[in-house]
All heavy atoms as atom14 arrays in JSON, in Angstrom:
{
  "sequence": "AGGSLRLSCKASGDTGSINCMGWFRQAPGNE",
  "atom14_mask": [
    [1, 1, 1, 1, 1, 0, 0, 0, 0, 0, 0, 0, 0, 0],
    [1, 1, 1, 1, 0, 0, 0, 0, 0, 0, 0, 0, 0, 0],
    [1, 1, 1, 1, 0, 0, 0, 0, 0, 0, 0, 0, 0, 0],
    [1, 1, 1, 1, 1, 1, 0, 0, 0, 0, 0, 0, 0, 0],
    [1, 1, 1, 1, 1, 1, 1, 1, 0, 0, 0, 0, 0, 0],
    [1, 1, 1, 1, 1, 1, 1, 1, 1, 1, 1, 0, 0, 0],
    [1, 1, 1, 1, 1, 1, 1, 1, 0, 0, 0, 0, 0, 0],
    [1, 1, 1, 1, 1, 1, 0, 0, 0, 0, 0, 0, 0, 0],
    [1, 1, 1, 1, 1, 1, 0, 0, 0, 0, 0, 0, 0, 0],
    [1, 1, 1, 1, 1, 1, 1, 1, 1, 0, 0, 0, 0, 0],
    [1, 1, 1, 1, 1, 0, 0, 0, 0, 0, 0, 0, 0, 0],
    [1, 1, 1, 1, 1, 1, 0, 0, 0, 0, 0, 0, 0, 0],
    [1, 1, 1, 1, 0, 0, 0, 0, 0, 0, 0, 0, 0, 0],
    [1, 1, 1, 1, 1, 1, 1, 1, 0, 0, 0, 0, 0, 0],
    [1, 1, 1, 1, 1, 1, 1, 0, 0, 0, 0, 0, 0, 0],
    [1, 1, 1, 1, 0, 0, 0, 0, 0, 0, 0, 0, 0, 0],
    [1, 1, 1, 1, 1, 1, 0, 0, 0, 0, 0, 0, 0, 0],
    [1, 1, 1, 1, 1, 1, 1, 1, 0, 0, 0, 0, 0, 0],
    [1, 1, 1, 1, 1, 1, 1, 1, 0, 0, 0, 0, 0, 0],
    [1, 1, 1, 1, 1, 1, 0, 0, 0, 0, 0, 0, 0, 0],
    [1, 1, 1, 1, 1, 1, 1, 1, 0, 0, 0, 0, 0, 0],
    [1, 1, 1, 1, 0, 0, 0, 0, 0, 0, 0, 0, 0, 0],
    [1, 1, 1, 1, 1, 1, 1, 1, 1, 1, 1, 1, 1, 1],
    [1, 1, 1, 1, 1, 1, 1, 1, 1, 1, 1, 0, 0, 0],
    [1, 1, 1, 1, 1, 1, 1, 1, 1, 1, 1, 0, 0, 0],
    [1, 1, 1, 1, 1, 1, 1, 1, 1, 0, 0, 0, 0, 0],
    [1, 1, 1, 1, 1, 0, 0, 0, 0, 0, 0, 0, 0, 0],
    [1, 1, 1, 1, 1, 1, 1, 0, 0, 0, 0, 0, 0, 0],
    [1, 1, 1, 1, 0, 0, 0, 0, 0, 0, 0, 0, 0, 0],
    [1, 1, 1, 1, 1, 1, 1, 1, 0, 0, 0, 0, 0, 0],
    [1, 1, 1, 1, 1, 1, 1, 1, 1, 0, 0, 0, 0, 0]
  ],
  "atom14_positions": [
    [[50.22, 41.36, -35.34], [50.99, 41.96, -34.25], [50.89, 43.46, -34.37], [50.98, 44.05, -35.46], [52.45, 41.53, -34.28], [0.0, 0.0, 0.0], [0.0, 0.0, 0.0], [0.0, 0.0, 0.0], [0.0, 0.0, 0.0], [0.0, 0.0, 0.0], [0.0, 0.0, 0.0], [0.0, 0.0, 0.0], [0.0, 0.0, 0.0], [0.0, 0.0, 0.0]],
    [[50.7, 44.1, -33.23], [50.5, 45.57, -33.19], [49.07, 46.0, -33.29], [48.75, 47.17, -33.04], [0.0, 0.0, 0.0], [0.0, 0.0, 0.0], [0.0, 0.0, 0.0], [0.0, 0.0, 0.0], [0.0, 0.0, 0.0], [0.0, 0.0, 0.0], [0.0, 0.0, 0.0], [0.0, 0.0, 0.0], [0.0, 0.0, 0.0], [0.0, 0.0, 0.0]],
    [[48.17, 45.05, -33.59], [46.75, 45.4, -33.68], [46.07, 45.4, -32.36], [46.67, 45.25, -31.29], [0.0, 0.0, 0.0], [0.0, 0.0, 0.0], [0.0, 0.0, 0.0], [0.0, 0.0, 0.0], [0.0, 0.0, 0.0], [0.0, 0.0, 0.0], [0.0, 0.0, 0.0], [0.0, 0.0, 0.0], [0.0, 0.0, 0.0], [0.0, 0.0, 0.0]],
    [[44.75, 45.6, -32.4], [43.96, 45.77, -31.19], [42.7, 44.92, -31.23], [42.17, 44.63, -32.33], [43.55, 47.22, -31.0], [44.66, 48.07, -30.83], [0.0, 0.0, 0.0], [0.0, 0.0, 0.0], [0.0, 0.0, 0.0], [0.0, 0.0, 0.0], [0.0, 0.0, 0.0], [0.0, 0.0, 0.0], [0.0, 0.0, 0.0], [0.0, 0.0, 0.0]],
    [[42.25, 44.54, -30.06], [40.96, 43.86, -29.92], [40.33, 44.37, -28.62], [41.05, 44.8, -27.69], [41.12, 42.35, -29.81], [41.44, 41.58, -31.1], [41.79, 40.14, -30.75], [40.3, 41.65, -32.08], [0.0, 0.0, 0.0], [0.0, 0.0, 0.0], [0.0, 0.0, 0.0], [0.0, 0.0, 0.0], [0.0, 0.0, 0.0], [0.0, 0.0, 0.0]],
    [[39.02, 44.29, -28.54], [38.28, 44.67, -27.35], [37.4, 43.52, -26.94], [36.5, 43.13, -27.67], [37.45, 45.92, -27.59], [36.71, 46.43, -26.35], [36.01, 47.76, -26.65], [35.29, 48.3, -25.54], [33.98, 48.18, -25.34], [33.25, 47.47, -26.18], [33.4, 48.75, -24.28], [0.0, 0.0, 0.0], [0.0, 0.0, 0.0], [0.0, 0.0, 0.0]],
    [[37.67, 42.96, -25.78], [36.89, 41.88, -25.25], [35.81, 42.38, -24.31], [35.99, 43.42, -23.67], [37.78, 40.89, -24.49], [38.98, 40.33, -25.2], [39.71, 39.32, -24.27], [38.61, 39.69, -26.52], [0.0, 0.0, 0.0], [0.0, 0.0, 0.0], [0.0, 0.0, 0.0], [0.0, 0.0, 0.0], [0.0, 0.0, 0.0], [0.0, 0.0, 0.0]],
    [[34.72, 41.69, -24.27], [33.66, 42.04, -23.33], [33.17, 40.74, -22.67], [33.29, 39.65, -23.2], [32.51, 42.76, -23.98], [31.89, 41.93, -24.97], [0.0, 0.0, 0.0], [0.0, 0.0, 0.0], [0.0, 0.0, 0.0], [0.0, 0.0, 0.0], [0.0, 0.0, 0.0], [0.0, 0.0, 0.0], [0.0, 0.0, 0.0], [0.0, 0.0, 0.0]],
    [[32.62, 40.93, -21.48], [32.09, 39.79, -20.73], [30.89, 40.26, -19.95], [31.01, 41.16, -19.13], [33.13, 39.21, -19.79], [32.52, 37.88, -18.7], [0.0, 0.0, 0.0], [0.0, 0.0, 0.0], [0.0, 0.0, 0.0], [0.0, 0.0, 0.0], [0.0, 0.0, 0.0], [0.0, 0.0, 0.0], [0.0, 0.0, 0.0], [0.0, 0.0, 0.0]],
    [[29.73, 39.67, -20.23], [28.51, 40.04, -19.53], [28.15, 38.99, -18.52], [28.13, 37.8, -18.83], [27.37, 40.2, -20.53], [26.06, 40.65, -19.87], [24.99, 40.9, -20.93], [23.67, 41.26, -20.25], [23.79, 42.51, -19.44], [0.0, 0.0, 0.0], [0.0, 0.0, 0.0], [0.0, 0.0, 0.0], [0.0, 0.0, 0.0], [0.0, 0.0, 0.0]],
    [[27.9, 39.42, -17.31], [27.46, 38.54, -16.22], [25.98, 38.54, -16.1], [25.3, 39.57, -16.23], [28.09, 38.98, -14.91], [0.0, 0.0, 0.0], [0.0, 0.0, 0.0], [0.0, 0.0, 0.0], [0.0, 0.0, 0.0], [0.0, 0.0, 0.0], [0.0, 0.0, 0.0], [0.0, 0.0, 0.0], [0.0, 0.0, 0.0], [0.0, 0.0, 0.0]],
    [[25.41, 37.38, -15.88], [23.99, 37.25, -15.65], [23.74, 36.24, -14.54], [24.66, 35.56, -14.07], [23.27, 36.8, -16.96], [23.75, 35.55, -17.4], [0.0, 0.0, 0.0], [0.0, 0.0, 0.0], [0.0, 0.0, 0.0], [0.0, 0.0, 0.0], [0.0, 0.0, 0.0], [0.0, 0.0, 0.0], [0.0, 0.0, 0.0], [0.0, 0.0, 0.0]],
    [[22.48, 36.14, -14.12], [22.16, 35.29, -13.01], [22.31, 36.03, -11.7], [21.92, 37.17, -11.59], [0.0, 0.0, 0.0], [0.0, 0.0, 0.0], [0.0, 0.0, 0.0], [0.0, 0.0, 0.0], [0.0, 0.0, 0.0], [0.0, 0.0, 0.0], [0.0, 0.0, 0.0], [0.0, 0.0, 0.0], [0.0, 0.0, 0.0], [0.0, 0.0, 0.0]],
    [[22.9, 35.36, -10.71], [23.06, 35.93, -9.39], [24.27, 36.84, -9.32], [25.26, 36.55, -8.63], [23.14, 34.81, -8.35], [23.13, 35.3, -6.92], [22.72, 36.47, -6.71], [23.49, 34.53, -6.03], [0.0, 0.0, 0.0], [0.0, 0.0, 0.0], [0.0, 0.0, 0.0], [0.0, 0.0, 0.0], [0.0, 0.0, 0.0], [0.0, 0.0, 0.0]],
    [[24.19, 37.95, -10.01], [25.36, 38.84, -10.15], [25.59, 39.68, -8.91], [26.64, 40.33, -8.81], [25.2, 39.74, -11.37], [24.04, 40.58, -11.21], [25.06, 38.93, -12.61], [0.0, 0.0, 0.0], [0.0, 0.0, 0.0], [0.0, 0.0, 0.0], [0.0, 0.0, 0.0], [0.0, 0.0, 0.0], [0.0, 0.0, 0.0], [0.0, 0.0, 0.0]],
    [[24.68, 39.71, -7.98], [24.84, 40.53, -6.78], [26.05, 40.08, -5.93], [26.51, 40.86, -5.12], [0.0, 0.0, 0.0], [0.0, 0.0, 0.0], [0.0, 0.0, 0.0], [0.0, 0.0, 0.0], [0.0, 0.0, 0.0], [0.0, 0.0, 0.0], [0.0, 0.0, 0.0], [0.0, 0.0, 0.0], [0.0, 0.0, 0.0], [0.0, 0.0, 0.0]],
    [[26.44, 38.84, -6.08], [27.55, 38.35, -5.27], [28.94, 38.71, -5.86], [29.94, 38.45, -5.18], [27.47, 36.81, -5.18], [27.55, 36.22, -6.46], [0.0, 0.0, 0.0], [0.0, 0.0, 0.0], [0.0, 0.0, 0.0], [0.0, 0.0, 0.0], [0.0, 0.0, 0.0], [0.0, 0.0, 0.0], [0.0, 0.0, 0.0], [0.0, 0.0, 0.0]],
    [[28.98, 39.31, -6.99], [30.22, 39.63, -7.65], [30.77, 40.94, -7.13], [30.13, 41.99, -7.16], [30.07, 39.71, -9.18], [29.54, 38.42, -9.75], [31.41, 40.08, -9.81], [29.19, 38.48, -11.21], [0.0, 0.0, 0.0], [0.0, 0.0, 0.0], [0.0, 0.0, 0.0], [0.0, 0.0, 0.0], [0.0, 0.0, 0.0], [0.0, 0.0, 0.0]],
    [[32.01, 40.92, -6.65], [32.7, 42.16, -6.21], [33.86, 42.52, -7.13], [34.28, 43.66, -7.14], [33.24, 41.98, -4.78], [32.13, 41.96, -3.78], [31.25, 42.85, -3.76], [32.13, 40.99, -2.89], [0.0, 0.0, 0.0], [0.0, 0.0, 0.0], [0.0, 0.0, 0.0], [0.0, 0.0, 0.0], [0.0, 0.0, 0.0], [0.0, 0.0, 0.0]],
    [[34.35, 41.56, -7.88], [35.48, 41.8, -8.74], [35.35, 40.95, -9.98], [34.88, 39.8, -9.93], [36.8, 41.52, -8.02], [38.26, 42.27, -8.76], [0.0, 0.0, 0.0], [0.0, 0.0, 0.0], [0.0, 0.0, 0.0], [0.0, 0.0, 0.0], [0.0, 0.0, 0.0], [0.0, 0.0, 0.0], [0.0, 0.0, 0.0], [0.0, 0.0, 0.0]],
    [[35.8, 41.47, -11.1], [35.83, 40.71, -12.33], [37.26, 40.67, -12.87], [38.0, 41.67, -12.76], [34.94, 41.33, -13.41], [33.45, 41.31, -13.08], [32.75, 39.66, -13.18], [32.79, 39.41, -14.99], [0.0, 0.0, 0.0], [0.0, 0.0, 0.0], [0.0, 0.0, 0.0], [0.0, 0.0, 0.0], [0.0, 0.0, 0.0], [0.0, 0.0, 0.0]],
    [[37.66, 39.54, -13.39], [39.02, 39.4, -13.9], [39.05, 38.79, -15.29], [38.1, 38.14, -15.71], [0.0, 0.0, 0.0], [0.0, 0.0, 0.0], [0.0, 0.0, 0.0], [0.0, 0.0, 0.0], [0.0, 0.0, 0.0], [0.0, 0.0, 0.0], [0.0, 0.0, 0.0], [0.0, 0.0, 0.0], [0.0, 0.0, 0.0], [0.0, 0.0, 0.0]],
    [[40.14, 39.01, -15.98], [40.44, 38.38, -17.21], [41.65, 37.48, -17.08], [42.66, 37.89, -16.5], [40.7, 39.41, -18.35], [39.46, 40.1, -18.83], [39.02, 41.34, -18.47], [38.54, 39.57, -19.81], [37.85, 41.61, -19.16], [37.55, 40.56, -19.96], [38.44, 38.39, -20.51], [36.46, 40.41, -20.85], [37.39, 38.22, -21.39], [36.42, 39.21, -21.55]],
    [[41.52, 36.29, -17.58], [42.61, 35.33, -17.56], [42.82, 34.77, -18.96], [41.94, 34.9, -19.82], [42.27, 34.18, -16.59], [42.12, 34.62, -15.16], [40.95, 35.28, -14.73], [43.15, 34.43, -14.25], [40.82, 35.69, -13.41], [43.02, 34.85, -12.93], [41.89, 35.48, -12.51], [0.0, 0.0, 0.0], [0.0, 0.0, 0.0], [0.0, 0.0, 0.0]],
    [[43.95, 34.17, -19.17], [44.22, 33.58, -20.48], [44.97, 32.26, -20.31], [45.69, 32.05, -19.33], [44.96, 34.51, -21.39], [46.36, 34.87, -20.93], [46.97, 35.94, -21.82], [48.32, 36.25, -21.44], [49.02, 37.27, -21.98], [48.47, 38.02, -22.92], [50.29, 37.5, -21.58], [0.0, 0.0, 0.0], [0.0, 0.0, 0.0], [0.0, 0.0, 0.0]],
    [[44.81, 31.42, -21.29], [45.48, 30.15, -21.28], [45.85, 29.77, -22.72], [45.01, 29.65, -23.59], [44.62, 29.05, -20.68], [45.36, 27.74, -20.48], [44.59, 26.76, -19.58], [43.37, 26.89, -19.44], [45.31, 25.87, -18.98], [0.0, 0.0, 0.0], [0.0, 0.0, 0.0], [0.0, 0.0, 0.0], [0.0, 0.0, 0.0], [0.0, 0.0, 0.0]],
    [[47.13, 29.62, -22.92], [47.67, 29.15, -24.19], [47.9, 27.65, -24.14], [48.1, 27.08, -23.05], [48.98, 29.85, -24.54], [0.0, 0.0, 0.0], [0.0, 0.0, 0.0], [0.0, 0.0, 0.0], [0.0, 0.0, 0.0], [0.0, 0.0, 0.0], [0.0, 0.0, 0.0], [0.0, 0.0, 0.0], [0.0, 0.0, 0.0], [0.0, 0.0, 0.0]],
    [[47.89, 26.96, -25.28], [48.11, 25.53, -25.26], [49.42, 25.14, -24.55], [50.45, 25.72, -24.83], [48.19, 25.18, -26.75], [47.38, 26.21, -27.41], [47.63, 27.48, -26.62], [0.0, 0.0, 0.0], [0.0, 0.0, 0.0], [0.0, 0.0, 0.0], [0.0, 0.0, 0.0], [0.0, 0.0, 0.0], [0.0, 0.0, 0.0], [0.0, 0.0, 0.0]],
    [[49.31, 24.21, -23.65], [50.45, 23.73, -22.9], [50.89, 24.6, -21.75], [51.83, 24.26, -21.05], [0.0, 0.0, 0.0], [0.0, 0.0, 0.0], [0.0, 0.0, 0.0], [0.0, 0.0, 0.0], [0.0, 0.0, 0.0], [0.0, 0.0, 0.0], [0.0, 0.0, 0.0], [0.0, 0.0, 0.0], [0.0, 0.0, 0.0], [0.0, 0.0, 0.0]],
    [[50.16, 25.69, -21.51], [50.5, 26.61, -20.43], [49.44, 26.64, -19.36], [48.28, 26.25, -19.62], [50.7, 28.0, -20.96], [51.93, 28.11, -21.89], [51.79, 28.52, -23.04], [53.11, 27.72, -21.39], [0.0, 0.0, 0.0], [0.0, 0.0, 0.0], [0.0, 0.0, 0.0], [0.0, 0.0, 0.0], [0.0, 0.0, 0.0], [0.0, 0.0, 0.0]],
    [[49.8, 27.1, -18.19], [48.83, 27.28, -17.12], [48.01, 28.53, -17.39], [48.39, 29.44, -18.11], [49.56, 27.39, -15.78], [50.32, 26.17, -15.37], [51.02, 26.34, -14.03], [50.99, 27.45, -13.46], [51.55, 25.35, -13.5], [0.0, 0.0, 0.0], [0.0, 0.0, 0.0], [0.0, 0.0, 0.0], [0.0, 0.0, 0.0], [0.0, 0.0, 0.0]]
  ]
}
């Protein structure tokens, strides 16, 4: 707790259709 992480996500393929990128998360038992 209190620490840091840096996530990255690279898109490939037909990336021209992408206008927005988002980050989502899911914990066990949660939406």
